[in-house]
Amino acid sequence: MKWVNFLILAGVIYKYGHKPFSKFIKGQKEDLSIKIDELESEKARVIGEINAAQTHTEENKQKLIEMKARLIAQGETRKQEIIDQARNQSGIMIEAARKKMENRIIQAKEKLKMELADLAFEQATQKLPQMITDADNQLFIDNYMRGMNVG
């Protein structure tokens, strides 16, 4: 008897619940379909944004590489300019030092000549009075006087 009651209950549920249950299932199916479509479109939008971000990232990487290369080239150029400037400046400094040394050598030579002349004069003033005789003095005086008479 339980089977009969079960079959009757199943028949009543089927007869009166079939259409509302079918409508409910169809409604759920449509709602799920709409949600799936919305999620698919959201997914496509997000994937598009991700792709755009990746493209932008790649562009930025390329710009960074180009900027880095440009900065390195500018740095190398500036480095070479500094090296050239330093070479020029060192050449000028070496030339100035050479001229300064030449001037010091000339001054030292002049000073040495003056000292030698002073030394020679000093020795002459010490030795000549002993070496010059009265006859030599008389000869110098006569020559001086003749020079005075000529002029």
Foldseek 3Di string as FASTA:
>chain_A
DVVVVVVVVVVVCCVPVVVVVVVVVVVVVVVVVVVVVVVVVVVVVVVVVVVVVVVVVVVVVVVVVVVVVVVVVVVVVVVVVVVVVVVVVVVVVVVVVVVVVVVVVVVVVVVVVVVVVVVVVVVCVVVVVVVDDVVNVVVVVVVVVVVVVVD
